C-alpha cells in the first residue's frame, strides 16, 4: 500500500462517496476525477478493461469456477503472470512490471503504524436517544447510558451483517454498541443530573446504578403548620385513633 499518490477515476458513486474521500484523505491519496463524458481522459484504464475482457474473461471456463474466491485467485494469477509481464506499446515495448521497477524509487510508502482495518471502516454520526439507543440502517443499537443526548461517531464494516459498532465521542472510544435487547434496555438504571441530562464528563457509576439520595433533614415547621398538626392529632384521638 502506498501513500501520497494520485489516482485518476471517473465519477462513479464509489469514487465520489463521502466514505471514499475520508479514507483516501487518511491514507494521503489524492483522487482526481476525469471530465465527465470524456473516456479519452481515462485511456489507460479503459485499455486495461479491454485487455481483461479479451485475455481473461472470454477464454474463461465459467463452468469450472467454484466461487468468488476461486475467480479472484484466477484473476490475480492472470494479472501477475501475464498482464504485468507482457510488452505494451504504450510503454515503449516495456512490460508494466519493468515500468514500475524503473520508478519504484519515487514511491513513498505508507506509515506502517496505520491500522488499515480501522481506516477502511465506514463512519457515520448519530445522536443517542434518551433510552441510550441509536439507529443505523434500520437496526436499533444500545450504547453506554452516559452518552444519552450526545451526538457520537460510529465506525462499522458495511460488508458485514448487522452487529457491533465502535462508538466514539470527542476523540475518545466508548466501546462497542450492540443490537438492543428491548427488555434489558427497560431495566437499565440511568444516572441523570437534576435537570434530567447526563454529564459526559462524570465517571459512570458502578454497575450503572444511580447514587442514593442524600439524607437531608427537613426544615422545622412554622407555628401555623404546628397548630394544624396538633388539631389533627386531637381529632384522631377523639375518634379512637382511627381515621374513619
Foldseek 3Di string as FASTA:
>chain_A
DFAQEEAEEAPDCVCPDPLNVQLNVVRHYHYHYDDPPDCVVVVVVVVVVVCCCVPPVVVDPVVPQPDPVSVVVSVVCCCVPPQQCAFDVVVVRHGVVVVCVVCVVVTHHTDPVDDSVQSSWGKDKWAQACLQWTDDPRFIWHFDNLRHRHIWMWTHHPVDPDAWIWIGDPRDTRGIIGGDDVVVSVVQAAEADPVRHHDSPDDQDVSNHYDDDDDDDDDDDDPVVVVVVVVVVVVCVVVVVDDD
